């Protein structure tokens, strides 16, 4: 099955459901349809969009999510299926907040993030001794690794900044915010369908209007968005509409290593969430799997 993310940029669009299809209608344009069974997420980034009850119920019945963004493409809400208990042991162990297990899981998430950051730099013919030392020693200072990474990353994509600022409304930061928001929505979806509570994090602490486990799970996946942006900045059209299409196709088609095989990124999110549920069920950090971006010479 081919899974899709629908990005809605047309102001005044109407989204409905007819005979197993999602239908988007915009005045003066031909209807756009997509099989409901293929949907993973819909991203609303336009004004005056009408969501019919049949559209919403159809999305939720298929375990798909709707991400709502404001006019600057910042996420402001998510419509997601109801949480469910899939594995009683996984649910009970997660709610018990096992400290040692969570510490091991967080370390593996940081290892995956750092490795993938190194892979992103390799795609730009760059190298960070600090990241390599962290990977070799197994000790991850997240703040320092991030600082060294962004110092190399932003100039490599043609931007003058040397640090990440999620509140700064510059094109690269705005595009990263959008890509991360779509990634977070897919992580939220996967955690729910595998019976985990997004509100209980491995490392990130609960706070107002936040789902810390979503932020934890997405850490190793963030560099995939950064790799997409580094490629995108070389293209002739670097508008937000073009970036949204890049994010959608990248999450659907780009592949990551999964043991002896590869998985599409969108499926890798499900696989990682499922392995996290198994890790909680069995109280075994070794069950948890994080993705690895391809090395530069084998990149797709």
Protein backbone atom coordinates (compact mmCIF):
# COMPACT_ATOMS: atom_id res chain seq x y z
CA UNK A 1 0.00 0.00 0.00
CA UNK A 2 1.23 3.50 -0.82
CA UNK A 3 0.62 5.92 2.04
CA UNK A 4 0.20 9.65 1.53
CA UNK A 5 0.19 13.01 3.27
CA UNK A 6 -2.27 15.55 1.86
CA UNK A 7 -1.10 19.17 2.12
CA UNK A 8 -3.87 21.76 1.78
CA UNK A 9 -2.68 25.23 0.71
CA UNK A 10 -5.82 26.28 -1.18
CA UNK A 11 -7.82 28.89 0.76
CA UNK A 12 -11.52 28.07 1.02
CA UNK A 13 -11.09 24.38 0.18
CA UNK A 14 -13.76 21.89 1.26
CA UNK A 15 -12.70 18.39 2.34
CA UNK A 16 -15.23 15.56 2.29
CA UNK A 17 -15.50 11.80 1.88
CA UNK A 18 -17.27 9.98 -0.93
CA UNK A 19 -17.31 6.21 -1.58
CA UNK A 20 -13.99 5.46 0.09
CA UNK A 21 -12.18 8.56 -1.22
CA UNK A 22 -11.14 11.83 0.34
CA UNK A 23 -12.40 14.61 -1.96
CA UNK A 24 -11.02 18.17 -1.94
CA UNK A 25 -13.07 20.81 -3.72
CA UNK A 26 -11.89 24.32 -4.56
CA UNK A 27 -13.93 26.77 -6.62
CA UNK A 28 -12.79 26.85 -10.22
CA UNK A 29 -10.64 23.74 -9.95
CA UNK A 30 -11.20 20.06 -10.69
CA UNK A 31 -11.91 17.90 -7.67
CA UNK A 32 -8.87 16.22 -6.17
CA UNK A 33 -9.38 12.71 -4.79
CA UNK A 34 -7.26 10.30 -2.79
CA UNK A 35 -8.12 6.80 -1.50
CA UNK A 36 -8.99 7.02 2.18
CA UNK A 37 -7.15 3.76 2.88
CA UNK A 38 -3.91 5.41 1.72
CA UNK A 39 -4.08 8.38 4.08
CA UNK A 40 -1.65 8.84 6.95
CA UNK A 41 -2.11 12.58 7.52
CA UNK A 42 -3.68 15.77 6.21
CA UNK A 43 -1.91 19.08 6.82
CA UNK A 44 -4.13 22.19 6.80
CA UNK A 45 -2.08 25.30 6.00
CA UNK A 46 -4.69 27.61 4.45
CA UNK A 47 -7.48 29.95 5.56
CA UNK A 48 -11.19 29.16 5.47
CA UNK A 49 -10.82 25.41 4.95
CA UNK A 50 -14.02 23.44 5.64
CA UNK A 51 -13.61 19.98 7.16
CA UNK A 52 -16.82 17.97 6.90
CA UNK A 53 -17.79 15.49 9.59
CA UNK A 54 -17.54 12.67 7.05
CA UNK A 55 -13.95 13.69 6.24
CA UNK A 56 -12.94 13.83 9.92
CA UNK A 57 -14.62 10.57 10.86
CA UNK A 58 -13.08 8.87 7.84
CA UNK A 59 -9.58 10.04 8.76
CA UNK A 60 -9.95 8.94 12.38
CA UNK A 61 -11.44 5.58 11.44
CA UNK A 62 -8.30 4.91 9.36
CA UNK A 63 -5.95 6.02 12.18
CA UNK A 64 -4.88 9.08 10.19
CA UNK A 65 -4.26 12.51 11.72
CA UNK A 66 -5.07 16.10 10.77
CA UNK A 67 -2.41 18.71 11.50
CA UNK A 68 -3.63 22.30 11.75
CA UNK A 69 -1.20 25.17 11.00
CA UNK A 70 -1.54 28.93 11.26
CA UNK A 71 -0.78 31.35 8.42
CA UNK A 72 2.97 31.20 9.12
CA UNK A 73 2.89 27.39 8.79
CA UNK A 74 3.40 26.91 12.52
CA UNK A 75 1.46 23.94 13.98
CA UNK A 76 -1.35 25.01 16.27
CA UNK A 77 -3.28 21.77 16.81
CA UNK A 78 -3.76 18.15 15.86
CA UNK A 79 -6.83 15.97 15.42
CA UNK A 80 -5.87 12.39 16.25
CA UNK A 81 -7.61 9.07 16.95
CA UNK A 82 -8.45 8.17 20.53
CA UNK A 83 -5.70 6.48 22.51
CA UNK A 84 -6.09 2.78 23.05
CA UNK A 85 -4.43 0.05 25.14
CA UNK A 86 -2.89 -2.48 22.75
CA UNK A 87 -0.57 -4.32 25.15
CA UNK A 88 -1.48 -4.14 28.83
CA UNK A 89 2.10 -4.75 30.00
CA UNK A 90 3.49 -2.05 27.73
CA UNK A 91 0.87 0.39 29.02
CA UNK A 92 1.44 -0.46 32.69
CA UNK A 93 5.22 -0.36 32.42
CA UNK A 94 5.17 2.96 30.59
CA UNK A 95 2.93 4.54 33.23
CA UNK A 96 5.23 3.20 35.98
CA UNK A 97 8.00 5.41 34.50
CA UNK A 98 10.89 2.88 34.78
CA UNK A 99 13.90 5.15 35.31
CA UNK A 100 16.69 2.82 34.18
CA UNK A 101 14.83 1.71 31.08
CA UNK A 102 13.98 5.28 30.11
CA UNK A 103 17.61 6.30 30.52
CA UNK A 104 18.74 3.51 28.18
CA UNK A 105 16.02 4.36 25.65
CA UNK A 106 16.96 8.04 25.67
CA UNK A 107 20.63 7.21 25.16
CA UNK A 108 19.70 5.11 22.11
CA UNK A 109 17.56 7.95 20.76
CA UNK A 110 20.49 10.35 21.13
CA UNK A 111 22.87 7.86 19.49
CA UNK A 112 20.52 7.56 16.52
CA UNK A 113 20.11 11.34 16.27
CA UNK A 114 23.87 11.96 16.46
CA UNK A 115 24.65 9.26 13.89
CA UNK A 116 22.07 10.68 11.49
CA UNK A 117 23.37 14.22 11.99
CA UNK A 118 26.82 12.93 11.05
CA UNK A 119 25.31 11.32 7.94
CA UNK A 120 23.66 14.62 6.95
CA UNK A 121 27.03 16.38 7.18
CA UNK A 122 28.67 13.62 5.14
CA UNK A 123 26.17 14.30 2.33
CA UNK A 124 27.61 17.84 2.23
CA UNK A 125 31.22 16.54 2.38
CA UNK A 126 31.56 17.78 5.95
CA UNK A 127 32.73 16.10 9.12
CA UNK A 128 32.42 16.86 12.82
CA UNK A 129 35.08 15.47 15.13
CA UNK A 130 32.85 16.31 18.10
CA UNK A 131 29.99 14.15 16.80
CA UNK A 132 32.37 11.34 15.90
CA UNK A 133 33.90 11.40 19.40
CA UNK A 134 30.43 11.24 20.94
CA UNK A 135 29.53 8.22 18.79
CA UNK A 136 32.82 6.50 19.58
CA UNK A 137 32.61 7.09 23.34
CA UNK A 138 28.86 6.53 23.66
CA UNK A 139 28.55 9.73 25.70
CA UNK A 140 26.17 12.26 24.16
CA UNK A 141 26.15 15.89 25.24
CA UNK A 142 23.05 16.85 23.29
CA UNK A 143 23.47 20.62 23.54
CA UNK A 144 27.12 20.66 22.42
CA UNK A 145 26.50 18.13 19.65
CA UNK A 146 23.63 20.26 18.36
CA UNK A 147 25.70 23.45 18.53
CA UNK A 148 28.60 21.93 16.55
CA UNK A 149 26.17 20.41 14.06
CA UNK A 150 24.25 23.62 13.29
CA UNK A 151 27.51 25.57 12.96
CA UNK A 152 28.37 23.34 10.01
CA UNK A 153 24.88 22.67 8.67
CA UNK A 154 23.50 26.15 8.03
CA UNK A 155 26.48 27.52 6.04
CA UNK A 156 26.49 24.25 4.05
CA UNK A 157 22.95 24.92 2.79
CA UNK A 158 23.77 28.51 1.88
CA UNK A 159 22.52 30.28 5.00
CA UNK A 160 24.54 32.71 7.09
CA UNK A 161 23.23 31.62 10.50
CA UNK A 162 25.22 29.18 12.61
CA UNK A 163 22.58 28.21 15.13
CA UNK A 164 19.02 26.89 15.12
CA UNK A 165 16.25 29.20 16.35
CA UNK A 166 12.80 27.68 16.04
CA UNK A 167 11.13 31.05 16.75
CA UNK A 168 13.07 32.93 14.08
CA UNK A 169 10.90 33.44 11.00
CA UNK A 170 13.68 32.97 8.44
CA UNK A 171 13.15 30.58 5.49
CA UNK A 172 15.33 27.67 6.72
CA UNK A 173 13.94 27.83 10.28
CA UNK A 174 10.38 28.18 9.02
CA UNK A 175 10.85 25.23 6.68
CA UNK A 176 12.41 23.09 9.41
CA UNK A 177 9.49 23.97 11.71
CA UNK A 178 7.04 22.82 9.06
CA UNK A 179 8.92 19.59 8.34
CA UNK A 180 9.24 18.79 12.04
CA UNK A 181 5.52 19.49 12.54
CA UNK A 182 4.56 16.92 9.89
CA UNK A 183 7.06 14.46 11.38
CA UNK A 184 5.64 15.04 14.87
CA UNK A 185 2.09 14.41 13.66
CA UNK A 186 3.13 11.06 12.17
CA UNK A 187 4.98 10.13 15.37
CA UNK A 188 1.90 11.07 17.41
CA UNK A 189 -0.23 8.82 15.22
CA UNK A 190 2.15 5.86 15.50
CA UNK A 191 2.43 6.09 19.29
CA UNK A 192 -1.34 6.07 19.67
CA UNK A 193 -1.97 3.10 17.38
CA UNK A 194 0.73 1.10 19.20
CA UNK A 195 -0.87 1.81 22.57
CA UNK A 196 1.60 4.27 24.12
CA UNK A 197 0.70 7.51 25.86
CA UNK A 198 2.21 10.53 24.06
CA UNK A 199 1.92 12.52 27.32
CA UNK A 200 4.54 10.36 29.14
CA UNK A 201 8.01 10.95 27.78
CA UNK A 202 11.22 8.96 27.96
CA UNK A 203 13.26 12.13 28.54
CA UNK A 204 11.23 15.24 27.72
CA UNK A 205 9.14 16.44 30.66
CA UNK A 206 5.36 16.98 30.54
CA UNK A 207 4.37 20.59 29.97
CA UNK A 208 1.37 22.59 28.87
CA UNK A 209 0.09 21.67 25.39
CA UNK A 210 2.93 19.23 24.77
CA UNK A 211 3.33 15.53 24.12
CA UNK A 212 6.84 14.68 25.34
CA UNK A 213 6.96 11.12 23.99
CA UNK A 214 6.34 12.52 20.51
CA UNK A 215 9.42 14.74 20.86
CA UNK A 216 11.45 11.80 22.16
CA UNK A 217 10.50 9.44 19.33
CA UNK A 218 11.11 11.99 16.59
CA UNK A 219 14.67 12.89 17.69
CA UNK A 220 16.45 10.28 15.50
CA UNK A 221 14.15 11.21 12.59
CA UNK A 222 14.80 14.98 12.67
CA UNK A 223 18.01 14.74 10.58
CA UNK A 224 15.95 13.18 7.77
CA UNK A 225 14.05 16.48 7.50
CA UNK A 226 17.36 18.37 7.64
CA UNK A 227 18.76 16.22 4.83
CA UNK A 228 15.66 16.95 2.73
CA UNK A 229 16.13 20.69 3.31
CA UNK A 230 19.81 20.56 2.34
CA UNK A 231 18.76 19.00 -0.97
CA UNK A 232 15.79 21.31 -1.40
CA UNK A 233 17.86 24.50 -1.07
CA UNK A 234 19.64 23.56 -4.32
CA UNK A 235 16.40 23.47 -6.32
CA UNK A 236 15.15 26.41 -8.45
CA UNK A 237 11.81 26.70 -6.62
CA UNK A 238 12.30 27.08 -2.86
CA UNK A 239 8.79 28.29 -2.04
CA UNK A 240 6.88 26.90 0.93
CA UNK A 241 4.48 25.07 -1.40
CA UNK A 242 7.39 23.33 -3.08
CA UNK A 243 8.88 22.49 0.32
CA UNK A 244 5.61 20.93 1.49
CA UNK A 245 5.65 18.66 -1.55
CA UNK A 246 9.28 17.76 -0.83
CA UNK A 247 8.40 16.83 2.75
CA UNK A 248 5.43 14.74 1.65
CA UNK A 249 7.31 12.79 -1.01
CA UNK A 250 10.41 12.49 1.17
CA UNK A 251 8.54 10.94 4.09
CA UNK A 252 6.75 8.62 1.69
CA UNK A 253 9.64 7.56 -0.56
CA UNK A 254 12.98 8.10 1.23
CA UNK A 255 14.36 4.94 2.81
CA UNK A 256 16.34 4.26 5.98
CA UNK A 257 18.25 1.21 7.16
CA UNK A 258 16.29 -1.35 9.16
CA UNK A 259 18.67 -4.13 10.15
CA UNK A 260 19.31 -6.10 6.92
CA UNK A 261 16.61 -4.23 5.00
CA UNK A 262 15.43 -0.70 4.29
CA UNK A 263 12.11 0.93 5.10
CA UNK A 264 10.31 3.98 3.80
CA UNK A 265 10.55 6.76 6.38
CA UNK A 266 6.80 6.79 6.97
CA UNK A 267 6.86 3.05 7.71
CA UNK A 268 10.04 3.42 9.78
CA UNK A 269 8.16 5.72 12.18
CA UNK A 270 5.61 2.94 12.74
CA UNK A 271 8.37 0.36 13.18
CA UNK A 272 10.18 2.52 15.73
CA UNK A 273 7.00 3.19 17.73
CA UNK A 274 6.15 -0.51 17.67
CA UNK A 275 9.64 -1.42 18.91
CA UNK A 276 9.29 1.16 21.70
CA UNK A 277 6.05 -0.50 22.80
CA UNK A 278 7.84 -3.88 22.85
CA UNK A 279 10.68 -2.37 24.88
CA UNK A 280 8.17 -1.24 27.52
CA UNK A 281 6.26 -4.53 27.42
CA UNK A 282 9.43 -6.56 28.01
CA UNK A 283 11.34 -3.90 30.01
CA UNK A 284 14.19 -4.42 27.55
CA UNK A 285 15.87 -1.46 25.86
CA UNK A 286 17.38 -3.81 23.28
CA UNK A 287 13.95 -4.19 21.68
CA UNK A 288 13.96 -0.53 20.66
CA UNK A 289 14.99 0.34 17.11
CA UNK A 290 15.96 3.72 15.65
CA UNK A 291 16.51 4.51 11.96
CA UNK A 292 19.84 5.09 10.23
CA UNK A 293 20.09 7.38 7.23
CA UNK A 294 22.07 5.93 4.31
CA UNK A 295 25.72 6.82 4.05
CA UNK A 296 26.48 9.51 1.50
CA UNK A 297 27.73 7.20 -1.24
CA UNK A 298 24.59 5.04 -1.05
CA UNK A 299 22.10 7.89 -0.57
CA UNK A 300 18.98 7.77 -2.67
